[in-house]
N, C-alpha and C. Protein backbone atom coordinates (compact mmCIF):
# COMPACT_ATOMS: atom_id res chain seq x y z
N MET A 1 -32.11 21.66 23.79
CA MET A 1 -32.99 21.44 22.67
C MET A 1 -33.08 19.94 22.38
N THR A 2 -34.27 19.43 22.15
CA THR A 2 -34.49 18.01 21.89
C THR A 2 -33.66 17.53 20.70
N ALA A 3 -33.13 16.31 20.84
CA ALA A 3 -32.32 15.71 19.77
C ALA A 3 -32.69 14.23 19.64
N PHE A 4 -32.36 13.66 18.49
CA PHE A 4 -32.60 12.24 18.23
C PHE A 4 -31.34 11.60 17.68
N ASN A 5 -31.17 10.31 17.97
CA ASN A 5 -30.19 9.53 17.23
C ASN A 5 -30.93 8.34 16.64
N ILE A 6 -30.57 8.00 15.42
CA ILE A 6 -31.21 6.93 14.67
C ILE A 6 -30.10 6.04 14.12
N VAL A 7 -30.25 4.72 14.29
CA VAL A 7 -29.24 3.80 13.80
C VAL A 7 -29.93 2.67 13.05
N ARG A 8 -29.42 2.38 11.85
CA ARG A 8 -29.97 1.30 11.02
C ARG A 8 -29.03 0.10 11.09
N PHE A 9 -29.63 -1.11 11.18
CA PHE A 9 -28.88 -2.37 11.25
C PHE A 9 -29.48 -3.40 10.30
N ARG A 10 -28.66 -4.37 9.88
CA ARG A 10 -29.15 -5.58 9.21
C ARG A 10 -28.49 -6.74 9.95
N VAL A 11 -29.34 -7.68 10.38
CA VAL A 11 -28.88 -8.80 11.20
C VAL A 11 -28.53 -9.99 10.30
N LYS A 12 -27.48 -10.71 10.66
CA LYS A 12 -27.09 -11.91 9.92
C LYS A 12 -28.21 -12.95 9.99
N PRO A 13 -28.34 -13.76 8.94
CA PRO A 13 -29.37 -14.81 8.95
C PRO A 13 -29.23 -15.70 10.19
N GLY A 14 -30.36 -15.99 10.83
CA GLY A 14 -30.37 -16.87 12.00
C GLY A 14 -29.90 -16.24 13.29
N ARG A 15 -29.63 -14.93 13.32
CA ARG A 15 -29.10 -14.29 14.52
C ARG A 15 -30.05 -13.24 15.11
N GLU A 16 -31.28 -13.14 14.58
CA GLU A 16 -32.20 -12.10 15.03
C GLU A 16 -32.54 -12.20 16.51
N GLU A 17 -32.81 -13.40 17.00
CA GLU A 17 -33.18 -13.53 18.41
C GLU A 17 -32.02 -13.10 19.32
N GLU A 18 -30.81 -13.44 18.93
CA GLU A 18 -29.62 -13.03 19.69
C GLU A 18 -29.47 -11.51 19.68
N PHE A 19 -29.70 -10.90 18.54
CA PHE A 19 -29.66 -9.44 18.38
C PHE A 19 -30.68 -8.78 19.30
N LEU A 20 -31.92 -9.28 19.26
CA LEU A 20 -32.99 -8.72 20.09
C LEU A 20 -32.71 -8.93 21.58
N ALA A 21 -32.21 -10.10 21.94
CA ALA A 21 -31.89 -10.39 23.34
C ALA A 21 -30.81 -9.44 23.86
N ALA A 22 -29.83 -9.15 23.04
CA ALA A 22 -28.76 -8.22 23.45
C ALA A 22 -29.35 -6.83 23.75
N HIS A 23 -30.32 -6.41 22.97
CA HIS A 23 -30.96 -5.12 23.22
C HIS A 23 -31.83 -5.16 24.47
N ARG A 24 -32.50 -6.28 24.70
CA ARG A 24 -33.34 -6.39 25.90
C ARG A 24 -32.50 -6.31 27.17
N MET A 25 -31.32 -6.91 27.14
CA MET A 25 -30.46 -6.98 28.33
C MET A 25 -29.64 -5.71 28.55
N ALA A 26 -29.45 -4.91 27.51
CA ALA A 26 -28.57 -3.73 27.60
C ALA A 26 -29.19 -2.63 28.45
N GLU A 27 -28.33 -1.92 29.14
CA GLU A 27 -28.76 -0.72 29.86
C GLU A 27 -29.15 0.29 28.80
N ARG A 28 -30.36 0.73 28.81
CA ARG A 28 -30.88 1.56 27.73
C ARG A 28 -31.03 3.02 28.09
N PHE A 29 -31.28 3.32 29.33
CA PHE A 29 -31.59 4.70 29.63
C PHE A 29 -30.40 5.41 30.25
N PHE A 30 -29.84 6.28 29.45
CA PHE A 30 -28.69 7.08 29.85
C PHE A 30 -29.21 8.44 30.30
N PRO A 31 -28.41 9.19 31.04
CA PRO A 31 -28.84 10.54 31.44
C PRO A 31 -29.23 11.36 30.20
N GLY A 32 -30.41 11.93 30.25
CA GLY A 32 -30.89 12.75 29.13
C GLY A 32 -31.70 12.00 28.09
N MET A 33 -31.69 10.66 28.13
CA MET A 33 -32.49 9.90 27.16
C MET A 33 -33.94 9.89 27.63
N ARG A 34 -34.82 10.26 26.73
CA ARG A 34 -36.25 10.30 27.07
C ARG A 34 -36.98 9.02 26.69
N ARG A 35 -36.60 8.44 25.56
CA ARG A 35 -37.23 7.18 25.15
C ARG A 35 -36.37 6.49 24.10
N PHE A 36 -36.58 5.19 23.99
CA PHE A 36 -35.86 4.34 23.04
C PHE A 36 -36.90 3.48 22.32
N THR A 37 -36.80 3.40 21.00
CA THR A 37 -37.73 2.61 20.21
C THR A 37 -36.97 1.81 19.17
N MET A 38 -37.35 0.54 19.01
CA MET A 38 -36.77 -0.28 17.94
C MET A 38 -37.89 -0.62 16.96
N VAL A 39 -37.59 -0.49 15.67
CA VAL A 39 -38.56 -0.76 14.62
C VAL A 39 -37.98 -1.80 13.67
N LYS A 40 -38.78 -2.81 13.34
CA LYS A 40 -38.37 -3.77 12.32
C LYS A 40 -38.79 -3.19 10.99
N THR A 41 -37.83 -2.91 10.11
CA THR A 41 -38.12 -2.21 8.86
C THR A 41 -38.14 -3.12 7.64
N GLY A 42 -37.82 -4.40 7.83
CA GLY A 42 -37.81 -5.34 6.71
C GLY A 42 -37.22 -6.66 7.16
N ASP A 43 -36.90 -7.50 6.19
CA ASP A 43 -36.31 -8.80 6.47
C ASP A 43 -34.94 -8.63 7.12
N ARG A 44 -34.84 -8.98 8.40
CA ARG A 44 -33.60 -8.87 9.18
C ARG A 44 -33.10 -7.43 9.28
N ALA A 45 -33.95 -6.45 8.98
CA ALA A 45 -33.57 -5.03 9.02
C ALA A 45 -34.27 -4.33 10.18
N TYR A 46 -33.50 -3.56 10.93
CA TYR A 46 -34.00 -2.86 12.11
C TYR A 46 -33.47 -1.44 12.13
N CYS A 47 -34.19 -0.60 12.85
CA CYS A 47 -33.78 0.78 13.07
C CYS A 47 -34.10 1.12 14.52
N VAL A 48 -33.17 1.75 15.21
CA VAL A 48 -33.46 2.22 16.56
C VAL A 48 -33.49 3.75 16.55
N LEU A 49 -34.40 4.29 17.36
CA LEU A 49 -34.54 5.73 17.49
C LEU A 49 -34.54 6.06 18.97
N ALA A 50 -33.81 7.07 19.33
CA ALA A 50 -33.80 7.51 20.73
C ALA A 50 -33.99 9.01 20.77
N GLU A 51 -34.84 9.43 21.68
CA GLU A 51 -35.09 10.86 21.89
C GLU A 51 -34.29 11.29 23.11
N TRP A 52 -33.66 12.44 23.00
CA TRP A 52 -32.78 12.95 24.05
C TRP A 52 -33.14 14.38 24.42
N ALA A 53 -32.77 14.78 25.62
CA ALA A 53 -33.01 16.15 26.09
C ALA A 53 -32.17 17.16 25.31
N SER A 54 -30.99 16.74 24.85
CA SER A 54 -30.12 17.63 24.08
C SER A 54 -29.10 16.83 23.28
N PHE A 55 -28.52 17.46 22.29
CA PHE A 55 -27.49 16.81 21.49
C PHE A 55 -26.26 16.50 22.35
N ASP A 56 -25.96 17.37 23.30
CA ASP A 56 -24.81 17.14 24.20
C ASP A 56 -24.96 15.83 24.97
N ARG A 57 -26.20 15.47 25.31
CA ARG A 57 -26.44 14.20 26.03
C ARG A 57 -26.13 13.00 25.14
N ILE A 58 -26.43 13.12 23.84
CA ILE A 58 -26.08 12.04 22.90
C ILE A 58 -24.57 11.88 22.85
N VAL A 59 -23.87 13.00 22.71
CA VAL A 59 -22.41 12.97 22.63
C VAL A 59 -21.82 12.32 23.88
N ALA A 60 -22.35 12.68 25.04
CA ALA A 60 -21.84 12.13 26.30
C ALA A 60 -22.08 10.62 26.41
N ALA A 61 -23.18 10.15 25.81
CA ALA A 61 -23.53 8.72 25.91
C ALA A 61 -22.87 7.86 24.84
N ARG A 62 -22.26 8.45 23.84
CA ARG A 62 -21.70 7.67 22.72
C ARG A 62 -20.75 6.56 23.16
N PRO A 63 -19.81 6.81 24.06
CA PRO A 63 -18.91 5.70 24.46
C PRO A 63 -19.69 4.51 25.03
N SER A 64 -20.71 4.76 25.82
CA SER A 64 -21.52 3.68 26.38
C SER A 64 -22.34 2.99 25.29
N MET A 65 -22.87 3.76 24.35
CA MET A 65 -23.65 3.18 23.26
C MET A 65 -22.76 2.30 22.38
N ILE A 66 -21.52 2.72 22.14
CA ILE A 66 -20.58 1.92 21.36
C ILE A 66 -20.24 0.63 22.10
N SER A 67 -20.13 0.72 23.41
CA SER A 67 -19.88 -0.48 24.23
C SER A 67 -21.02 -1.48 24.08
N ILE A 68 -22.25 -0.99 24.09
CA ILE A 68 -23.41 -1.87 23.89
C ILE A 68 -23.37 -2.47 22.48
N LEU A 69 -23.07 -1.66 21.49
CA LEU A 69 -22.96 -2.14 20.11
C LEU A 69 -21.91 -3.26 20.02
N ASP A 70 -20.80 -3.10 20.70
CA ASP A 70 -19.74 -4.12 20.68
C ASP A 70 -20.22 -5.45 21.22
N SER A 71 -21.23 -5.43 22.11
CA SER A 71 -21.73 -6.68 22.70
C SER A 71 -22.55 -7.51 21.71
N PHE A 72 -23.04 -6.91 20.62
CA PHE A 72 -23.80 -7.68 19.63
C PHE A 72 -23.33 -7.43 18.19
N ARG A 73 -22.21 -6.75 18.04
CA ARG A 73 -21.66 -6.42 16.71
C ARG A 73 -21.54 -7.65 15.80
N ASP A 74 -21.17 -8.80 16.39
CA ASP A 74 -20.97 -10.01 15.58
C ASP A 74 -22.29 -10.56 15.01
N THR A 75 -23.44 -10.06 15.47
CA THR A 75 -24.74 -10.51 14.93
C THR A 75 -25.13 -9.71 13.68
N LEU A 76 -24.36 -8.68 13.36
CA LEU A 76 -24.71 -7.78 12.26
C LEU A 76 -23.95 -8.07 10.99
N GLU A 77 -24.59 -7.81 9.87
CA GLU A 77 -23.89 -7.95 8.59
C GLU A 77 -23.63 -6.57 8.00
N GLU A 78 -22.66 -6.50 7.13
CA GLU A 78 -22.30 -5.24 6.48
C GLU A 78 -23.49 -4.68 5.71
N LEU A 79 -23.68 -3.37 5.78
CA LEU A 79 -24.77 -2.72 5.08
C LEU A 79 -24.40 -2.41 3.63
N GLY A 80 -23.12 -2.40 3.35
CA GLY A 80 -22.65 -2.09 2.00
C GLY A 80 -22.39 -0.60 1.83
N GLY A 81 -21.82 -0.25 0.71
CA GLY A 81 -21.55 1.15 0.42
C GLY A 81 -20.56 1.80 1.36
N GLY A 82 -19.71 1.00 2.00
CA GLY A 82 -18.71 1.53 2.92
C GLY A 82 -19.26 1.95 4.28
N LEU A 83 -20.49 1.57 4.59
CA LEU A 83 -21.10 1.96 5.86
C LEU A 83 -20.64 1.13 7.05
N GLY A 84 -20.23 -0.09 6.83
CA GLY A 84 -19.92 -0.98 7.95
C GLY A 84 -21.20 -1.68 8.38
N VAL A 85 -21.33 -1.95 9.68
CA VAL A 85 -22.50 -2.70 10.18
C VAL A 85 -23.60 -1.80 10.73
N THR A 86 -23.36 -0.49 10.79
CA THR A 86 -24.40 0.43 11.26
C THR A 86 -24.45 1.65 10.35
N ASP A 87 -25.60 2.30 10.35
CA ASP A 87 -25.77 3.56 9.63
C ASP A 87 -26.37 4.55 10.62
N PRO A 88 -25.51 5.18 11.46
CA PRO A 88 -26.01 6.09 12.49
C PRO A 88 -26.10 7.54 12.02
N VAL A 89 -27.15 8.22 12.47
CA VAL A 89 -27.29 9.66 12.27
C VAL A 89 -27.87 10.25 13.55
N SER A 90 -27.58 11.51 13.80
CA SER A 90 -28.15 12.17 14.97
C SER A 90 -28.19 13.67 14.72
N GLY A 91 -29.07 14.34 15.45
CA GLY A 91 -29.16 15.79 15.31
C GLY A 91 -30.26 16.36 16.17
N THR A 92 -30.35 17.69 16.16
CA THR A 92 -31.35 18.38 16.96
C THR A 92 -32.64 18.55 16.15
N VAL A 93 -33.73 18.62 16.86
CA VAL A 93 -35.04 18.77 16.24
C VAL A 93 -35.15 20.19 15.68
N VAL A 94 -35.56 20.29 14.41
CA VAL A 94 -35.77 21.60 13.80
C VAL A 94 -37.24 21.86 13.50
N MET A 95 -38.05 20.80 13.54
CA MET A 95 -39.48 20.97 13.33
C MET A 95 -40.21 19.78 13.96
N GLU A 96 -41.34 20.08 14.55
CA GLU A 96 -42.16 19.04 15.15
C GLU A 96 -43.61 19.42 14.93
N LYS A 97 -44.40 18.47 14.47
CA LYS A 97 -45.81 18.75 14.23
C LYS A 97 -46.65 17.80 15.06
N THR A 98 -47.69 18.35 15.64
CA THR A 98 -48.65 17.56 16.37
C THR A 98 -50.03 17.93 15.86
N PRO A 99 -50.96 17.02 15.97
CA PRO A 99 -52.30 17.35 15.47
C PRO A 99 -52.91 18.49 16.27
N PRO A 100 -53.74 19.31 15.62
CA PRO A 100 -54.42 20.38 16.36
C PRO A 100 -55.25 19.78 17.48
N ALA A 101 -55.40 20.51 18.54
CA ALA A 101 -56.11 20.02 19.73
C ALA A 101 -57.51 19.53 19.40
N LYS A 102 -58.22 20.21 18.53
CA LYS A 102 -59.58 19.83 18.17
C LYS A 102 -59.59 18.45 17.51
N LYS A 103 -58.68 18.21 16.58
CA LYS A 103 -58.61 16.92 15.91
C LYS A 103 -58.20 15.83 16.90
N ALA A 104 -57.28 16.14 17.78
CA ALA A 104 -56.83 15.17 18.77
C ALA A 104 -57.98 14.79 19.70
N ALA A 105 -58.77 15.78 20.12
CA ALA A 105 -59.90 15.50 21.00
C ALA A 105 -60.94 14.65 20.28
N LYS A 106 -61.18 14.94 19.00
CA LYS A 106 -62.14 14.17 18.21
C LYS A 106 -61.66 12.72 18.07
N ALA A 107 -60.38 12.54 17.82
CA ALA A 107 -59.82 11.19 17.69
C ALA A 107 -59.93 10.42 19.01
N LYS A 108 -59.71 11.12 20.12
CA LYS A 108 -59.82 10.48 21.44
C LYS A 108 -61.26 10.07 21.71
N LYS A 109 -62.20 10.93 21.34
CA LYS A 109 -63.61 10.63 21.55
C LYS A 109 -64.02 9.43 20.69
N ALA A 110 -63.56 9.38 19.45
CA ALA A 110 -63.88 8.28 18.55
C ALA A 110 -63.35 6.97 19.10
N LYS A 111 -62.19 7.01 19.69
CA LYS A 111 -61.58 5.81 20.27
C LYS A 111 -62.43 5.30 21.43
N LYS A 112 -62.98 6.21 22.24
CA LYS A 112 -63.81 5.82 23.38
C LYS A 112 -65.12 5.19 22.92
N THR A 113 -65.68 5.68 21.82
CA THR A 113 -66.97 5.14 21.37
C THR A 113 -66.84 3.75 20.78
N VAL A 114 -65.64 3.34 20.44
CA VAL A 114 -65.41 2.01 19.91
C VAL A 114 -65.67 0.96 20.98
N LYS A 115 -65.39 1.31 22.23
CA LYS A 115 -65.63 0.37 23.33
C LYS A 115 -67.12 0.11 23.44
N LYS A 116 -67.48 -1.14 23.61
CA LYS A 116 -68.88 -1.52 23.75
C LYS A 116 -69.37 -1.15 25.14
N THR A 117 -70.54 -0.57 25.16
CA THR A 117 -71.13 -0.26 26.46
C THR A 117 -72.23 -1.26 26.74
N VAL A 118 -72.30 -1.68 27.96
CA VAL A 118 -73.32 -2.64 28.37
C VAL A 118 -74.39 -1.88 29.13
N LYS A 119 -75.63 -1.99 28.65
CA LYS A 119 -76.74 -1.30 29.31
C LYS A 119 -77.36 -2.23 30.33
N LYS A 120 -77.69 -1.68 31.47
CA LYS A 120 -78.36 -2.45 32.51
C LYS A 120 -79.84 -2.54 32.17
N PRO A 121 -80.45 -3.67 32.47
CA PRO A 121 -81.88 -3.78 32.19
C PRO A 121 -82.66 -2.80 33.07
N ALA A 122 -83.76 -2.30 32.51
CA ALA A 122 -84.59 -1.35 33.25
C ALA A 122 -85.22 -2.04 34.46
N LYS A 123 -85.34 -1.30 35.56
CA LYS A 123 -85.95 -1.86 36.77
C LYS A 123 -87.45 -1.89 36.58
N LYS A 124 -88.07 -2.94 37.09
CA LYS A 124 -89.53 -3.06 37.01
C LYS A 124 -90.15 -2.13 38.03
N LYS A 125 -91.23 -1.49 37.61
CA LYS A 125 -91.95 -0.61 38.53
C LYS A 125 -92.87 -1.45 39.38
N LYS A 126 -92.93 -1.12 40.65
CA LYS A 126 -93.84 -1.82 41.55
C LYS A 126 -95.26 -1.33 41.33
N ALA A 127 -96.18 -2.27 41.35
CA ALA A 127 -97.59 -1.90 41.17
C ALA A 127 -98.07 -1.21 42.46
N ARG A 128 -98.80 -0.15 42.28
CA ARG A 128 -99.33 0.58 43.42
C ARG A 128 -100.67 -0.03 43.85
N ARG A 129 -100.87 -0.07 45.11
CA ARG A 129 -102.16 -0.55 45.65
C ARG A 129 -103.07 0.64 45.80
N ARG A 130 -104.32 0.43 45.43
CA ARG A 130 -105.29 1.52 45.56
C ARG A 130 -106.27 1.24 46.60
């Protein structure tokens, strides 16, 4: 069953590029990971989301994910409230919504019409001799 892990971070002032570079260099795709996304949620605030084939795959990857975290842990500041430098959560998907096919097709068609089309000039007709 599909699962996600989400981790919230706050980066120390002046360390954002180092934080981002550490993520760019890190091995990101573990067995069972379908995708990884990083979102900037505010001033020096980030959240990462990863989609997995199953919750068991997240559990199996945790030691490696912690190893990656250790490589940039010093770039992070405490989140407060006893959280430490990360606020991780994970779990299995219990609901997923996608737009109805008709709406999705309409949105796709609208996107295509935004592109400008270039019309070719009409060909001149040759005069007929009588």
